[in-house]
Amino acid sequence: MVSNLLKNCKIKQIQNGSAAAQTTVTSSTFAMDGFNAVTIIASLGTVTDGSVLQLNVQEGAAANGSDAATISGAQTPSATAATSSNTLLVAEALRIVKEYVTVTLTRTTQNAGVNCIIAILHQAANIPVTLDASVLASVLESGN
């Protein structure tokens, strides 16, 4: 069996860019919709040395994220930035129990910009999956 990302996973942008600041960025809350796991990728822009960054994956039962709580083990260690501009923070949560997921990216001490935050939902109950509206286009080349 050939496995591929585009047919087995749903990729969606859950947070647009955010100007450099020392605040928490909170993504839009999204439904897991038949997926059991999620990988979160935060793309950083310009980061001032000394900025402390942490990516947290939260789950909850409320569609608006009001009851979201960090999933144990689904947060990156606090990273103190040093020449960290244009890098990634990645967190993965397996066996999501609740229906909705919200992501936070804390930025303290010094400014850090965010290009975007992307969620890759995987371990789908039903495949192939359909593209999320935040994906403009995709292509799958299966070889000859």
Protein backbone atom coordinates (compact mmCIF):
# COMPACT_ATOMS: atom_id res chain seq x y z
CA MET A 1 0.00 0.00 0.00
CA VAL A 2 1.28 3.43 -0.95
CA SER A 3 0.71 6.12 1.63
CA ASN A 4 0.69 9.80 0.81
CA LEU A 5 0.18 12.99 2.74
CA LEU A 6 -2.41 14.63 0.47
CA LYS A 7 -4.84 11.67 0.48
CA ASN A 8 -4.43 10.68 4.13
CA CYS A 9 -4.10 14.02 5.91
CA LYS A 10 -5.92 17.34 6.01
CA ILE A 11 -3.65 20.38 5.88
CA LYS A 12 -5.05 23.71 7.01
CA GLN A 13 -3.76 27.14 7.92
CA ILE A 14 -5.16 27.92 11.36
CA GLN A 15 -3.48 31.28 12.00
CA ASN A 16 -2.44 34.08 9.70
CA GLY A 17 0.72 36.09 10.20
CA SER A 18 1.22 38.16 13.32
CA ALA A 19 3.50 41.18 13.66
CA ALA A 20 6.50 40.95 15.94
CA ALA A 21 5.38 41.33 19.56
CA GLN A 22 5.57 39.84 23.06
CA THR A 23 2.03 38.48 23.22
CA THR A 24 0.32 35.11 22.94
CA VAL A 25 -0.96 34.18 19.49
CA THR A 26 -4.11 32.05 19.64
CA SER A 27 -5.22 30.15 16.54
CA SER A 28 -8.74 29.69 15.35
CA THR A 29 -10.33 26.66 17.01
CA PHE A 30 -10.94 23.78 14.62
CA ALA A 31 -12.81 20.47 14.71
CA MET A 32 -10.89 17.22 14.41
CA ASP A 33 -13.68 15.84 12.14
CA GLY A 34 -12.75 12.15 12.16
CA PHE A 35 -9.00 12.57 12.68
CA ASN A 36 -7.23 11.16 15.73
CA ALA A 37 -3.97 13.14 15.66
CA VAL A 38 -2.63 16.55 14.70
CA THR A 39 0.78 18.03 13.95
CA ILE A 40 1.16 21.78 14.38
CA ILE A 41 3.82 23.82 12.58
CA ALA A 42 4.44 27.46 13.54
CA SER A 43 6.48 29.34 10.97
CA LEU A 44 8.41 32.15 12.64
CA GLY A 45 9.39 35.40 11.00
CA THR A 46 11.83 37.87 12.53
CA VAL A 47 12.70 36.84 16.08
CA THR A 48 14.74 39.03 18.42
CA ASP A 49 17.46 37.15 20.32
CA GLY A 50 16.30 36.39 23.86
CA SER A 51 12.64 35.89 22.91
CA VAL A 52 11.13 32.94 24.78
CA LEU A 53 8.76 30.88 22.64
CA GLN A 54 6.43 27.96 23.40
CA LEU A 55 3.91 26.21 21.14
CA ASN A 56 0.94 24.55 22.94
CA VAL A 57 -1.71 22.21 21.53
CA GLN A 58 -5.01 22.40 23.44
CA GLU A 59 -8.25 20.44 23.20
CA GLY A 60 -11.78 21.01 24.42
CA ALA A 61 -15.48 20.33 23.86
CA ALA A 62 -16.48 23.92 22.97
CA ALA A 63 -16.41 25.00 19.32
CA ASN A 64 -15.21 28.46 20.35
CA GLY A 65 -12.24 27.12 22.34
CA SER A 66 -13.48 28.58 25.62
CA ASP A 67 -12.69 25.37 27.52
CA ALA A 68 -9.43 24.54 25.73
CA ALA A 69 -6.75 23.03 27.95
CA THR A 70 -3.19 22.13 27.01
CA ILE A 71 -2.76 18.44 26.24
CA SER A 72 -0.14 16.91 28.53
CA GLY A 73 3.08 16.51 26.55
CA ALA A 74 1.78 18.44 23.53
CA GLN A 75 3.84 21.56 24.01
CA THR A 76 7.32 22.42 22.92
CA PRO A 77 9.88 23.17 25.60
CA SER A 78 10.25 26.92 26.17
CA ALA A 79 12.85 27.92 23.60
CA THR A 80 15.01 30.98 24.12
CA ALA A 81 15.65 32.33 20.68
CA ALA A 82 19.17 32.93 19.41
CA THR A 83 19.42 33.53 15.66
CA SER A 84 15.98 31.92 15.39
CA SER A 85 14.44 34.06 12.66
CA ASN A 86 12.73 32.10 9.89
CA THR A 87 12.63 28.80 11.76
CA LEU A 88 9.82 26.43 12.80
CA LEU A 89 8.29 25.21 16.04
CA VAL A 90 6.58 21.80 15.71
CA ALA A 91 4.30 19.96 18.14
CA GLU A 92 2.34 16.75 17.64
CA ALA A 93 -0.61 15.41 19.63
CA LEU A 94 -1.72 11.82 19.20
CA ARG A 95 -5.00 10.31 20.38
CA ILE A 96 -7.00 13.54 20.55
CA VAL A 97 -9.93 12.85 22.89
CA LYS A 98 -12.08 15.96 22.53
CA GLU A 99 -13.66 17.34 19.40
CA TYR A 100 -11.94 20.72 19.09
CA VAL A 101 -8.32 21.89 19.03
CA THR A 102 -6.87 25.33 19.67
CA VAL A 103 -3.19 26.26 19.45
CA THR A 104 -1.32 28.96 21.35
CA LEU A 105 2.13 30.35 20.71
CA THR A 106 3.50 32.30 23.64
CA ARG A 107 6.07 34.99 22.88
CA THR A 108 7.74 36.66 25.86
CA THR A 109 10.84 38.69 26.82
CA GLN A 110 11.63 39.93 23.27
CA ASN A 111 9.67 40.38 20.03
CA ALA A 112 8.91 37.47 17.70
CA GLY A 113 6.97 37.59 14.42
CA VAL A 114 4.84 34.73 13.14
CA ASN A 115 4.39 33.97 9.43
CA CYS A 116 1.55 31.48 9.98
CA ILE A 117 0.53 28.38 11.91
CA ILE A 118 -0.44 25.22 10.02
CA ALA A 119 -2.24 22.11 11.28
CA ILE A 120 -1.83 18.70 9.67
CA LEU A 121 -4.67 16.45 10.81
CA HIS A 122 -3.81 12.77 10.41
CA GLN A 123 -4.87 9.25 11.39
CA ALA A 124 -8.12 9.77 9.47
CA ALA A 125 -11.12 7.52 10.02
CA ASN A 126 -12.06 7.90 6.33
CA ILE A 127 -9.74 8.36 3.37
CA PRO A 128 -9.19 9.92 0.95
CA VAL A 129 -9.69 13.27 2.66
CA THR A 130 -10.82 16.47 1.00
CA LEU A 131 -8.77 19.64 0.82
CA ASP A 132 -9.37 22.34 3.40
CA ALA A 133 -10.59 25.70 2.07
CA SER A 134 -7.30 27.31 3.21
CA VAL A 135 -5.38 25.24 0.60
CA LEU A 136 -5.45 27.03 -2.75
CA ALA A 137 -4.14 24.11 -4.81
CA SER A 138 -2.30 20.81 -4.50
CA VAL A 139 -0.88 18.13 -6.74
CA LEU A 140 0.00 14.47 -6.22
CA GLU A 141 2.53 12.87 -8.57
CA SER A 142 2.46 9.12 -8.06
CA GLY A 143 5.39 8.17 -10.27
CA ASN A 144 5.47 5.94 -13.30
